[in-house]
Every structure is written in structure tokens, then in C-alpha cells.
Amino acid sequence: MSQLRDTILDAQDLREEVVDVPEWGVKILLMGMSARQRGLMVESVGDKMFLTTDVVLTLARDPETREPIFDKADRDALAEKSGGVLDRLAQKVLELSGVDVGAAETEVAADPT
């Protein structure tokens, strides 16, 4: 295999950012999605009510250990948290993932289904 291939596959290109969540009194590490994660997230959007919850559930990490904060069993409890907070965190994940949030919002407004 070529050195170029190895360089590309070894590159750490997923963005991440520690963000303050004053409503919860914590800082969390948000990870950008890989192409696989984006595809799985888009595929599982059947229940749009849980979209922002699932983004945070999947991509929020402890900044010190880098371990996931939540697991699937926390989905319903997390969904009871502030929609504004979850929306803000999910938007940050989308930004870190290279998704043009403005374009996505325009598309959803044009066709909410």
C-alpha cells in the first residue's frame, strides 16, 4: 500500500471541543461524527423527537477520561432535559462534524418530513 494511503488513514481528522454547560454546572467534551456515525444517525432519524437527544447521548464524553457520559439506558432521562440545552449541544456536534447547520435548517424548513 502507498504511503499516501497510510497518511490519510492514520490522520486524526475528527474535531472535538470541550464546552461549558452552565445549566448543568459542567463542562463536557463533544466529538465530531465520523462518516459512519453520520450515516447511522441519518438512518435512525425515524423518531425525530429523539434526534438531538441521540446526538448528545452518542457524542458527549467526559473531558478527563474521554469515556461516554451516557449509555442507551439514559435516553429517556436525557430526553427530559432542556430542549434548548440539547439543541445547542447537538448543533455544536454538527458544526464539529462539518455539517452546514444553516443549510440543514433551510432544508428542514422547506420539507419538514
PDB file of N, CA and C in Angstrom:
ATOM      1  N   MET A   1       0.835  -1.192   0.000  1.00  0.00           N
ATOM      2  CA  MET A   1       0.000   0.000   0.000  1.00  0.00           C
ATOM      3  C   MET A   1       0.877   1.252   0.000  1.00  0.00           C
ATOM      4  N   SER A   2       0.292   2.345  -0.425  1.00  0.00           N
ATOM      5  CA  SER A   2       1.078   3.570  -0.569  1.00  0.00           C
ATOM      6  C   SER A   2       1.197   4.332   0.752  1.00  0.00           C
ATOM      7  N   GLN A   3       2.230   5.130   0.812  1.00  0.00           N
ATOM      8  CA  GLN A   3       2.442   5.968   1.993  1.00  0.00           C
ATOM      9  C   GLN A   3       1.331   7.017   2.109  1.00  0.00           C
ATOM     10  N   LEU A   4       0.850   7.497   0.965  1.00  0.00           N
ATOM     11  CA  LEU A   4      -0.240   8.479   0.974  1.00  0.00           C
ATOM     12  C   LEU A   4      -1.486   7.887   1.626  1.00  0.00           C
ATOM     13  N   ARG A   5      -1.810   6.650   1.262  1.00  0.00           N
ATOM     14  CA  ARG A   5      -2.958   5.966   1.852  1.00  0.00           C
ATOM     15  C   ARG A   5      -2.792   5.871   3.360  1.00  0.00           C
ATOM     16  N   ASP A   6      -1.623   5.428   3.797  1.00  0.00           N
ATOM     17  CA  ASP A   6      -1.365   5.282   5.219  1.00  0.00           C
ATOM     18  C   ASP A   6      -1.471   6.619   5.946  1.00  0.00           C
ATOM     19  N   THR A   7      -0.965   7.675   5.320  1.00  0.00           N
ATOM     20  CA  THR A   7      -1.031   9.011   5.916  1.00  0.00           C
ATOM     21  C   THR A   7      -2.474   9.443   6.109  1.00  0.00           C
ATOM     22  N   ILE A   8      -3.283   9.211   5.086  1.00  0.00           N
ATOM     23  CA  ILE A   8      -4.703   9.601   5.155  1.00  0.00           C
ATOM     24  C   ILE A   8      -5.433   8.791   6.231  1.00  0.00           C
ATOM     25  N   LEU A   9      -5.240   7.479   6.220  1.00  0.00           N
ATOM     26  CA  LEU A   9      -5.966   6.630   7.168  1.00  0.00           C
ATOM     27  C   LEU A   9      -5.496   6.820   8.609  1.00  0.00           C
ATOM     28  N   ASP A  10      -4.268   7.259   8.793  1.00  0.00           N
ATOM     29  CA  ASP A  10      -3.740   7.494  10.137  1.00  0.00           C
ATOM     30  C   ASP A  10      -4.040   8.893  10.672  1.00  0.00           C
ATOM     31  N   ALA A  11      -4.500   9.787   9.796  1.00  0.00           N
ATOM     32  CA  ALA A  11      -4.763  11.174  10.206  1.00  0.00           C
ATOM     33  C   ALA A  11      -5.906  11.224  11.218  1.00  0.00           C
ATOM     34  N   GLN A  12      -5.714  11.975  12.276  1.00  0.00           N
ATOM     35  CA  GLN A  12      -6.756  12.187  13.284  1.00  0.00           C
ATOM     36  C   GLN A  12      -7.540  13.436  12.878  1.00  0.00           C
ATOM     37  N   ASP A  13      -8.591  13.245  12.088  1.00  0.00           N
ATOM     38  CA  ASP A  13      -9.293  14.379  11.494  1.00  0.00           C
ATOM     39  C   ASP A  13     -10.653  14.681  12.124  1.00  0.00           C
ATOM     40  N   LEU A  14     -11.016  13.952  13.166  1.00  0.00           N
ATOM     41  CA  LEU A  14     -12.285  14.235  13.833  1.00  0.00           C
ATOM     42  C   LEU A  14     -12.082  15.361  14.840  1.00  0.00           C
ATOM     43  N   ARG A  15     -12.882  16.402  14.697  1.00  0.00           N
ATOM     44  CA  ARG A  15     -12.763  17.549  15.588  1.00  0.00           C
ATOM     45  C   ARG A  15     -13.479  17.272  16.905  1.00  0.00           C
ATOM     46  N   GLU A  16     -13.060  17.981  17.922  1.00  0.00           N
ATOM     47  CA  GLU A  16     -13.687  17.865  19.243  1.00  0.00           C
ATOM     48  C   GLU A  16     -13.511  19.182  19.974  1.00  0.00           C
ATOM     49  N   GLU A  17     -14.368  19.388  20.957  1.00  0.00           N
ATOM     50  CA  GLU A  17     -14.294  20.635  21.728  1.00  0.00           C
ATOM     51  C   GLU A  17     -14.907  20.431  23.106  1.00  0.00           C
ATOM     52  N   VAL A  18     -14.239  20.958  24.109  1.00  0.00           N
ATOM     53  CA  VAL A  18     -14.810  20.978  25.460  1.00  0.00           C
ATOM     54  C   VAL A  18     -15.721  22.204  25.537  1.00  0.00           C
ATOM     55  N   VAL A  19     -16.956  21.979  25.946  1.00  0.00           N
ATOM     56  CA  VAL A  19     -17.927  23.072  26.034  1.00  0.00           C
ATOM     57  C   VAL A  19     -18.486  23.167  27.450  1.00  0.00           C
ATOM     58  N   ASP A  20     -18.763  24.376  27.844  1.00  0.00           N
ATOM     59  CA  ASP A  20     -19.361  24.651  29.141  1.00  0.00           C
ATOM     60  C   ASP A  20     -20.875  24.498  29.018  1.00  0.00           C
ATOM     61  N   VAL A  21     -21.456  23.796  29.964  1.00  0.00           N
ATOM     62  CA  VAL A  21     -22.917  23.657  30.015  1.00  0.00           C
ATOM     63  C   VAL A  21     -23.350  24.236  31.363  1.00  0.00           C
ATOM     64  N   PRO A  22     -23.526  25.564  31.413  1.00  0.00           N
ATOM     65  CA  PRO A  22     -23.820  26.207  32.698  1.00  0.00           C
ATOM     66  C   PRO A  22     -25.110  25.708  33.341  1.00  0.00           C
ATOM     67  N   GLU A  23     -26.063  25.312  32.537  1.00  0.00           N
ATOM     68  CA  GLU A  23     -27.330  24.814  33.078  1.00  0.00           C
ATOM     69  C   GLU A  23     -27.121  23.538  33.893  1.00  0.00           C
ATOM     70  N   TRP A  24     -26.094  22.778  33.558  1.00  0.00           N
ATOM     71  CA  TRP A  24     -25.811  21.530  34.264  1.00  0.00           C
ATOM     72  C   TRP A  24     -24.637  21.678  35.220  1.00  0.00           C
ATOM     73  N   GLY A  25     -23.966  22.824  35.177  1.00  0.00           N
ATOM     74  CA  GLY A  25     -22.826  23.064  36.052  1.00  0.00           C
ATOM     75  C   GLY A  25     -21.605  22.207  35.722  1.00  0.00           C
ATOM     76  N   VAL A  26     -21.445  21.870  34.418  1.00  0.00           N
ATOM     77  CA  VAL A  26     -20.341  21.003  34.000  1.00  0.00           C
ATOM     78  C   VAL A  26     -19.749  21.467  32.671  1.00  0.00           C
ATOM     79  N   LYS A  27     -18.596  20.913  32.370  1.00  0.00           N
ATOM     80  CA  LYS A  27     -18.005  21.015  31.035  1.00  0.00           C
ATOM     81  C   LYS A  27     -17.965  19.605  30.479  1.00  0.00           C
ATOM     82  N   ILE A  28     -18.293  19.483  29.193  1.00  0.00           N
ATOM     83  CA  ILE A  28     -18.258  18.175  28.557  1.00  0.00           C
ATOM     84  C   ILE A  28     -17.463  18.258  27.261  1.00  0.00           C
ATOM     85  N   LEU A  29     -16.947  17.131  26.836  1.00  0.00           N
ATOM     86  CA  LEU A  29     -16.237  17.028  25.575  1.00  0.00           C
ATOM     87  C   LEU A  29     -17.227  16.561  24.522  1.00  0.00           C
ATOM     88  N   LEU A  30     -17.373  17.342  23.459  1.00  0.00           N
ATOM     89  CA  LEU A  30     -18.225  16.943  22.345  1.00  0.00           C
ATOM     90  C   LEU A  30     -17.336  16.502  21.195  1.00  0.00           C
ATOM     91  N   MET A  31     -17.681  15.401  20.590  1.00  0.00           N
ATOM     92  CA  MET A  31     -16.916  14.824  19.494  1.00  0.00           C
ATOM     93  C   MET A  31     -17.646  15.066  18.178  1.00  0.00           C
ATOM     94  N   GLY A  32     -16.895  15.338  17.127  1.00  0.00           N
ATOM     95  CA  GLY A  32     -17.474  15.373  15.793  1.00  0.00           C
ATOM     96  C   GLY A  32     -17.786  13.956  15.344  1.00  0.00           C
ATOM     97  N   MET A  33     -18.748  13.810  14.468  1.00  0.00           N
ATOM     98  CA  MET A  33     -19.136  12.486  13.984  1.00  0.00           C
ATOM     99  C   MET A  33     -18.230  12.019  12.854  1.00  0.00           C
ATOM    100  N   SER A  34     -17.950  10.738  12.844  1.00  0.00           N
ATOM    101  CA  SER A  34     -17.281  10.134  11.693  1.00  0.00           C
ATOM    102  C   SER A  34     -18.326   9.985  10.585  1.00  0.00           C
ATOM    103  N   ALA A  35     -17.872   9.685   9.390  1.00  0.00           N
ATOM    104  CA  ALA A  35     -18.811   9.466   8.291  1.00  0.00           C
ATOM    105  C   ALA A  35     -19.759   8.318   8.616  1.00  0.00           C
ATOM    106  N   ARG A  36     -19.248   7.268   9.255  1.00  0.00           N
ATOM    107  CA  ARG A  36     -20.093   6.134   9.639  1.00  0.00           C
ATOM    108  C   ARG A  36     -21.155   6.581  10.641  1.00  0.00           C
ATOM    109  N   GLN A  37     -20.755   7.348  11.663  1.00  0.00           N
ATOM    110  CA  GLN A  37     -21.711   7.807  12.669  1.00  0.00           C
ATOM    111  C   GLN A  37     -22.772   8.702  12.047  1.00  0.00           C
ATOM    112  N   ARG A  38     -22.361   9.593  11.130  1.00  0.00           N
ATOM    113  CA  ARG A  38     -23.336  10.451  10.456  1.00  0.00           C
ATOM    114  C   ARG A  38     -24.346   9.617   9.697  1.00  0.00           C
ATOM    115  N   GLY A  39     -23.869   8.615   8.979  1.00  0.00           N
ATOM    116  CA  GLY A  39     -24.767   7.748   8.212  1.00  0.00           C
ATOM    117  C   GLY A  39     -25.746   7.010   9.110  1.00  0.00           C
ATOM    118  N   LEU A  40     -25.236   6.475  10.207  1.00  0.00           N
ATOM    119  CA  LEU A  40     -26.106   5.753  11.148  1.00  0.00           C
ATOM    120  C   LEU A  40     -27.113   6.698  11.790  1.00  0.00           C
ATOM    121  N   MET A  41     -26.682   7.929  12.093  1.00  0.00           N
ATOM    122  CA  MET A  41     -27.579   8.898  12.702  1.00  0.00           C
ATOM    123  C   MET A  41     -28.691   9.267  11.719  1.00  0.00           C
ATOM    124  N   VAL A  42     -28.334   9.509  10.469  1.00  0.00           N
ATOM    125  CA  VAL A  42     -29.329   9.852   9.449  1.00  0.00           C
ATOM    126  C   VAL A  42     -30.292   8.682   9.252  1.00  0.00           C
ATOM    127  N   GLU A  43     -29.756   7.470   9.250  1.00  0.00           N
ATOM    128  CA  GLU A  43     -30.562   6.267   9.071  1.00  0.00           C
ATOM    129  C   GLU A  43     -31.569   6.077  10.207  1.00  0.00           C
ATOM    130  N   SER A  44     -31.178   6.473  11.409  1.00  0.00           N
ATOM    131  CA  SER A  44     -32.021   6.223  12.575  1.00  0.00           C
ATOM    132  C   SER A  44     -32.939   7.385  12.917  1.00  0.00           C
ATOM    133  N   VAL A  45     -33.070   8.348  12.024  1.00  0.00           N
ATOM    134  CA  VAL A  45     -33.874   9.539  12.315  1.00  0.00           C
ATOM    135  C   VAL A  45     -35.363   9.238  12.259  1.00  0.00           C
ATOM    136  N   GLY A  46     -35.759   8.001  12.238  1.00  0.00           N
ATOM    137  CA  GLY A  46     -37.174   7.665  12.208  1.00  0.00           C
ATOM    138  C   GLY A  46     -37.952   8.357  13.303  1.00  0.00           C
ATOM    139  N   ASP A  47     -37.358   8.491  14.473  1.00  0.00           N
ATOM    140  CA  ASP A  47     -38.019   9.167  15.587  1.00  0.00           C
ATOM    141  C   ASP A  47     -37.334  10.509  15.807  1.00  0.00           C
ATOM    142  N   LYS A  48     -37.785  11.530  15.065  1.00  0.00           N
ATOM    143  CA  LYS A  48     -37.145  12.851  15.106  1.00  0.00           C
ATOM    144  C   LYS A  48     -37.206  13.484  16.486  1.00  0.00           C
ATOM    145  N   MET A  49     -38.170  13.036  17.298  1.00  0.00           N
ATOM    146  CA  MET A  49     -38.296  13.588  18.635  1.00  0.00           C
ATOM    147  C   MET A  49     -37.020  13.363  19.443  1.00  0.00           C
ATOM    148  N   PHE A  50     -36.302  12.292  19.159  1.00  0.00           N
ATOM    149  CA  PHE A  50     -35.113  11.948  19.921  1.00  0.00           C
ATOM    150  C   PHE A  50     -33.804  12.330  19.218  1.00  0.00           C
ATOM    151  N   LEU A  51     -33.863  13.036  18.087  1.00  0.00           N
ATOM    152  CA  LEU A  51     -32.645  13.297  17.313  1.00  0.00           C
ATOM    153  C   LEU A  51     -31.585  14.024  18.128  1.00  0.00           C
ATOM    154  N   THR A  52     -31.913  15.165  18.722  1.00  0.00           N
ATOM    155  CA  THR A  52     -30.896  15.899  19.482  1.00  0.00           C
ATOM    156  C   THR A  52     -30.449  15.105  20.700  1.00  0.00           C
ATOM    157  N   THR A  53     -31.373  14.400  21.326  1.00  0.00           N
ATOM    158  CA  THR A  53     -31.017  13.555  22.470  1.00  0.00           C
ATOM    159  C   THR A  53     -30.006  12.492  22.043  1.00  0.00           C
ATOM    160  N   ASP A  54     -30.246  11.847  20.918  1.00  0.00           N
ATOM    161  CA  ASP A  54     -29.356  10.786  20.450  1.00  0.00           C
ATOM    162  C   ASP A  54     -27.977  11.317  20.072  1.00  0.00           C
ATOM    163  N   VAL A  55     -27.928  12.517  19.500  1.00  0.00           N
ATOM    164  CA  VAL A  55     -26.633  13.116  19.161  1.00  0.00           C
ATOM    165  C   VAL A  55     -25.819  13.324  20.433  1.00  0.00           C
ATOM    166  N   VAL A  56     -26.432  13.906  21.454  1.00  0.00           N
ATOM    167  CA  VAL A  56     -25.724  14.154  22.719  1.00  0.00           C
ATOM    168  C   VAL A  56     -25.391  12.828  23.404  1.00  0.00           C
ATOM    169  N   LEU A  57     -26.334  11.922  23.426  1.00  0.00           N
ATOM    170  CA  LEU A  57     -26.117  10.608  24.041  1.00  0.00           C
ATOM    171  C   LEU A  57     -24.903   9.909  23.432  1.00  0.00           C
ATOM    172  N   THR A  58     -24.761  10.003  22.125  1.00  0.00           N
ATOM    173  CA  THR A  58     -23.705   9.296  21.408  1.00  0.00           C
ATOM    174  C   THR A  58     -22.355   9.999  21.460  1.00  0.00           C
ATOM    175  N   LEU A  59     -22.350  11.332  21.462  1.00  0.00           N
ATOM    176  CA  LEU A  59     -21.099  12.057  21.233  1.00  0.00           C
ATOM    177  C   LEU A  59     -20.619  12.927  22.385  1.00  0.00           C
ATOM    178  N   ALA A  60     -21.274  12.866  23.533  1.00  0.00           N
ATOM    179  CA  ALA A  60     -20.803  13.589  24.719  1.00  0.00           C
ATOM    180  C   ALA A  60     -19.864  12.687  25.509  1.00  0.00           C
ATOM    181  N   ARG A  61     -18.714  13.241  25.872  1.00  0.00           N
ATOM    182  CA  ARG A  61     -17.687  12.471  26.591  1.00  0.00           C
ATOM    183  C   ARG A  61     -17.245  13.217  27.845  1.00  0.00           C
ATOM    184  N   ASP A  62     -16.710  12.471  28.791  1.00  0.00           N
ATOM    185  CA  ASP A  62     -16.062  13.058  29.963  1.00  0.00           C
ATOM    186  C   ASP A  62     -14.744  13.664  29.477  1.00  0.00           C
ATOM    187  N   PRO A  63     -14.514  14.949  29.713  1.00  0.00           N
ATOM    188  CA  PRO A  63     -13.296  15.576  29.195  1.00  0.00           C
ATOM    189  C   PRO A  63     -12.006  14.995  29.765  1.00  0.00           C
ATOM    190  N   GLU A  64     -12.078  14.421  30.960  1.00  0.00           N
ATOM    191  CA  GLU A  64     -10.866  13.867  31.574  1.00  0.00           C
ATOM    192  C   GLU A  64     -10.574  12.446  31.104  1.00  0.00           C
ATOM    193  N   THR A  65     -11.594  11.618  31.018  1.00  0.00           N
ATOM    194  CA  THR A  65     -11.379  10.201  30.686  1.00  0.00           C
ATOM    195  C   THR A  65     -11.663   9.888  29.217  1.00  0.00           C
ATOM    196  N   ARG A  66     -12.397  10.780  28.541  1.00  0.00           N
ATOM    197  CA  ARG A  66     -12.830  10.602  27.153  1.00  0.00           C
ATOM    198  C   ARG A  66     -13.851   9.450  27.013  1.00  0.00           C
ATOM    199  N   GLU A  67     -14.338   8.963  28.127  1.00  0.00           N
ATOM    200  CA  GLU A  67     -15.348   7.900  28.117  1.00  0.00           C
ATOM    201  C   GLU A  67     -16.731   8.518  27.876  1.00  0.00           C
ATOM    202  N   PRO A  68     -17.642   7.767  27.231  1.00  0.00           N
ATOM    203  CA  PRO A  68     -19.010   8.274  27.064  1.00  0.00           C
ATOM    204  C   PRO A  68     -19.633   8.598  28.422  1.00  0.00           C
ATOM    205  N   ILE A  69     -20.374   9.679  28.463  1.00  0.00           N
ATOM    206  CA  ILE A  69     -21.062  10.076  29.694  1.00  0.00           C
ATOM    207  C   ILE A  69     -22.330   9.245  29.860  1.00  0.00           C
ATOM    208  N   PHE A  70     -23.027   9.018  28.776  1.00  0.00           N
ATOM    209  CA  PHE A  70     -24.327   8.355  28.807  1.00  0.00           C
ATOM    210  C   PHE A  70     -24.270   7.028  28.061  1.00  0.00           C
ATOM    211  N   ASP A  71     -25.230   6.154  28.379  1.00  0.00           N
ATOM    212  CA  ASP A  71     -25.417   4.951  27.570  1.00  0.00           C
ATOM    213  C   ASP A  71     -26.879   4.904  27.122  1.00  0.00           C
ATOM    214  N   LYS A  72     -27.214   3.930  26.330  1.00  0.00           N
ATOM    215  CA  LYS A  72     -28.561   3.856  25.743  1.00  0.00           C
ATOM    216  C   LYS A  72     -29.663   3.850  26.789  1.00  0.00           C
ATOM    217  N   ALA A  73     -29.377   3.320  27.965  1.00  0.00           N
ATOM    218  CA  ALA A  73     -30.380   3.274  29.031  1.00  0.00           C
ATOM    219  C   ALA A  73     -30.735   4.673  29.540  1.00  0.00           C
ATOM    220  N   ASP A  74     -29.895   5.663  29.253  1.00  0.00           N
ATOM    221  CA  ASP A  74     -30.126   7.039  29.707  1.00  0.00           C
ATOM    222  C   ASP A  74     -30.968   7.857  28.731  1.00  0.00           C
ATOM    223  N   ARG A  75     -31.373   7.269  27.611  1.00  0.00           N
ATOM    224  CA  ARG A  75     -32.042   8.031  26.548  1.00  0.00           C
ATOM    225  C   ARG A  75     -33.280   8.766  27.044  1.00  0.00           C
ATOM    226  N   ASP A  76     -34.180   8.069  27.712  1.00  0.00           N
ATOM    227  CA  ASP A  76     -35.431   8.705  28.156  1.00  0.00           C
ATOM    228  C   ASP A  76     -35.167   9.788  29.199  1.00  0.00           C
ATOM    229  N   ALA A  77     -34.253   9.536  30.135  1.00  0.00           N
ATOM    230  CA  ALA A  77     -33.941  10.536  31.158  1.00  0.00           C
ATOM    231  C   ALA A  77     -33.295  11.768  30.528  1.00  0.00           C
ATOM    232  N   LEU A  78     -32.398  11.552  29.578  1.00  0.00           N
ATOM    233  CA  LEU A  78     -31.753  12.682  28.905  1.00  0.00           C
ATOM    234  C   LEU A  78     -32.771  13.482  28.093  1.00  0.00           C
ATOM    235  N   ALA A  79     -33.737  12.792  27.514  1.00  0.00           N
ATOM    236  CA  ALA A  79     -34.780  13.459  26.730  1.00  0.00           C
ATOM    237  C   ALA A  79     -35.655  14.373  27.586  1.00  0.00           C
ATOM    238  N   GLU A  80     -35.623  14.210  28.885  1.00  0.00           N
ATOM    239  CA  GLU A  80     -36.387  15.071  29.789  1.00  0.00           C
ATOM    240  C   GLU A  80     -35.622  16.338  30.166  1.00  0.00           C
ATOM    241  N   LYS A  81     -34.377  16.467  29.726  1.00  0.00           N
ATOM    242  CA  LYS A  81     -33.583  17.666  29.997  1.00  0.00           C
ATOM    243  C   LYS A  81     -34.027  18.774  29.052  1.00  0.00           C
ATOM    244  N   SER A  82     -33.536  19.975  29.274  1.00  0.00           N
ATOM    245  CA  SER A  82     -33.923  21.139  28.477  1.00  0.00           C
ATOM    246  C   SER A  82     -33.674  20.918  26.989  1.00  0.00           C
ATOM    247  N   GLY A  83     -34.721  21.114  26.198  1.00  0.00           N
ATOM    248  CA  GLY A  83     -34.586  21.007  24.751  1.00  0.00           C
ATOM    249  C   GLY A  83     -33.613  22.033  24.199  1.00  0.00           C
ATOM    250  N   GLY A  84     -33.591  23.215  24.816  1.00  0.00           N
ATOM    251  CA  GLY A  84     -32.663  24.255  24.368  1.00  0.00           C
ATOM    252  C   GLY A  84     -31.211  23.856  24.579  1.00  0.00           C
ATOM    253  N   VAL A  85     -30.929  23.247  25.721  1.00  0.00           N
ATOM    254  CA  VAL A  85     -29.564  22.793  26.006  1.00  0.00           C
ATOM    255  C   VAL A  85     -29.177  21.684  25.034  1.00  0.00           C
ATOM    256  N   LEU A  86     -30.055  20.696  24.862  1.00  0.00           N
ATOM    257  CA  LEU A  86     -29.761  19.595  23.948  1.00  0.00           C
ATOM    258  C   LEU A  86     -29.594  20.091  22.518  1.00  0.00           C
ATOM    259  N   ASP A  87     -30.441  21.038  22.097  1.00  0.00           N
ATOM    260  CA  ASP A  87     -30.310  21.610  20.752  1.00  0.00           C
ATOM    261  C   ASP A  87     -28.961  22.298  20.574  1.00  0.00           C
ATOM    262  N   ARG A  88     -28.561  23.081  21.565  1.00  0.00           N
ATOM    263  CA  ARG A  88     -27.284  23.799  21.483  1.00  0.00           C
ATOM    264  C   ARG A  88     -26.110  22.823  21.375  1.00  0.00           C
ATOM    265  N   LEU A  89     -26.139  21.758  22.173  1.00  0.00           N
ATOM    266  CA  LEU A  89     -25.064  20.769  22.144  1.00  0.00           C
ATOM    267  C   LEU A  89     -25.065  19.997  20.821  1.00  0.00           C
ATOM    268  N   ALA A  90     -26.245  19.637  20.343  1.00  0.00           N
ATOM    269  CA  ALA A  90     -26.332  18.915  19.067  1.00  0.00           C
ATOM    270  C   ALA A  90     -25.842  19.788  17.919  1.00  0.00           C
ATOM    271  N   GLN A  91     -26.161  21.080  17.950  1.00  0.00           N
ATOM    272  CA  GLN A  91     -25.678  21.986  16.900  1.00  0.00           C
ATOM    273  C   GLN A  91     -24.159  22.077  16.920  1.00  0.00           C
ATOM    274  N   LYS A  92     -23.566  22.085  18.105  1.00  0.00           N
ATOM    275  CA  LYS A  92     -22.109  22.120  18.210  1.00  0.00           C
ATOM    276  C   LYS A  92     -21.509  20.846  17.617  1.00  0.00           C
ATOM    277  N   VAL A  93     -22.123  19.697  17.888  1.00  0.00           N
ATOM    278  CA  VAL A  93     -21.646  18.435  17.308  1.00  0.00           C
ATOM    279  C   VAL A  93     -21.719  18.503  15.781  1.00  0.00           C
ATOM    280  N   LEU A  94     -22.820  19.038  15.255  1.00  0.00           N
ATOM    281  CA  LEU A  94     -22.953  19.156  13.806  1.00  0.00           C
ATOM    282  C   LEU A  94     -21.877  20.069  13.226  1.00  0.00           C
ATOM    283  N   GLU A  95     -21.598  21.179  13.902  1.00  0.00           N
ATOM    284  CA  GLU A  95     -20.520  22.075  13.450  1.00  0.00           C
ATOM    285  C   GLU A  95     -19.184  21.341  13.440  1.00  0.00           C
ATOM    286  N   LEU A  96     -18.890  20.612  14.515  1.00  0.00           N
ATOM    287  CA  LEU A  96     -17.641  19.862  14.609  1.00  0.00           C
ATOM    288  C   LEU A  96     -17.558  18.780  13.536  1.00  0.00           C
ATOM    289  N   SER A  97     -18.709  18.333  13.059  1.00  0.00           N
ATOM    290  CA  SER A  97     -18.776  17.276  12.056  1.00  0.00           C
ATOM    291  C   SER A  97     -18.743  17.814  10.636  1.00  0.00           C
ATOM    292  N   GLY A  98     -18.680  19.137  10.506  1.00  0.00           N
ATOM    293  CA  GLY A  98     -18.617  19.736   9.177  1.00  0.00           C
ATOM    294  C   GLY A  98     -19.959  19.887   8.495  1.00  0.00           C
ATOM    295  N   VAL A  99     -21.038  19.775   9.262  1.00  0.00           N
ATOM    296  CA  VAL A  99     -22.372  19.941   8.694  1.00  0.00           C
ATOM    297  C   VAL A  99     -22.704  21.427   8.688  1.00  0.00           C
ATOM    298  N   ASP A 100     -23.158  21.929   7.555  1.00  0.00           N
ATOM    299  CA  ASP A 100     -23.581  23.323   7.446  1.00  0.00           C
ATOM    300  C   ASP A 100     -24.958  23.437   8.093  1.00  0.00           C
ATOM    301  N   VAL A 101     -24.970  23.860   9.356  1.00  0.00           N
ATOM    302  CA  VAL A 101     -26.208  23.906  10.139  1.00  0.00           C
ATOM    303  C   VAL A 101     -27.247  24.804   9.486  1.00  0.00           C
ATOM    304  N   GLY A 102     -26.839  25.938   8.949  1.00  0.00           N
ATOM    305  CA  GLY A 102     -27.777  26.852   8.287  1.00  0.00           C
ATOM    306  C   GLY A 102     -28.453  26.210   7.091  1.00  0.00           C
ATOM    307  N   ALA A 103     -27.674  25.494   6.277  1.00  0.00           N
ATOM    308  CA  ALA A 103     -28.236  24.820   5.106  1.00  0.00           C
ATOM    309  C   ALA A 103     -29.185  23.707   5.534  1.00  0.00           C
ATOM    310  N   ALA A 104     -28.819  22.980   6.586  1.00  0.00           N
ATOM    311  CA  ALA A 104     -29.673  21.895   7.071  1.00  0.00           C
ATOM    312  C   ALA A 104     -30.997  22.456   7.586  1.00  0.00           C
ATOM    313  N   GLU A 105     -30.942  23.581   8.315  1.00  0.00           N
ATOM    314  CA  GLU A 105     -32.176  24.187   8.831  1.00  0.00           C
ATOM    315  C   GLU A 105     -33.068  24.663   7.692  1.00  0.00           C
ATOM    316  N   THR A 106     -32.472  25.231   6.649  1.00  0.00           N
ATOM    317  CA  THR A 106     -33.235  25.677   5.483  1.00  0.00           C
ATOM    318  C   THR A 106     -33.898  24.508   4.814  1.00  0.00           C
ATOM    319  N   GLU A 107     -33.181  23.398   4.683  1.00  0.00           N
ATOM    320  CA  GLU A 107     -33.739  22.197   4.056  1.00  0.00           C
ATOM    321  C   GLU A 107     -34.893  21.631   4.854  1.00  0.00           C
ATOM    322  N   VAL A 108     -34.740  21.585   6.179  1.00  0.00           N
ATOM    323  CA  VAL A 108     -35.811  21.070   7.030  1.00  0.00           C
ATOM    324  C   VAL A 108     -37.026  21.986   6.969  1.00  0.00           C
ATOM    325  N   ALA A 109     -36.811  23.308   6.951  1.00  0.00           N
ATOM    326  CA  ALA A 109     -37.929  24.251   6.872  1.00  0.00           C
ATOM    327  C   ALA A 109     -38.693  24.073   5.558  1.00  0.00           C
ATOM    328  N   ALA A 110     -37.975  23.770   4.482  1.00  0.00           N
ATOM    329  CA  ALA A 110     -38.613  23.587   3.177  1.00  0.00           C
ATOM    330  C   ALA A 110     -39.397  22.287   3.118  1.00  0.00           C
ATOM    331  N   ASP A 111     -38.890  21.243   3.789  1.00  0.00           N
ATOM    332  CA  ASP A 111     -39.546  19.933   3.783  1.00  0.00           C
ATOM    333  C   ASP A 111     -39.396  19.285   5.158  1.00  0.00           C
ATOM    334  N   PRO A 112     -40.267  19.616   6.108  1.00  0.00           N
ATOM    335  CA  PRO A 112     -40.130  19.120   7.478  1.00  0.00           C
ATOM    336  C   PRO A 112     -40.269  17.613   7.629  1.00  0.00           C
ATOM    337  N   THR A 113     -40.661  16.891   6.586  1.00  0.00           N
ATOM    338  CA  THR A 113     -40.783  15.443   6.702  1.00  0.00           C
ATOM    339  C   THR A 113     -39.437  14.835   6.516  1.00  0.00           C
TER     340      THR A 113
END
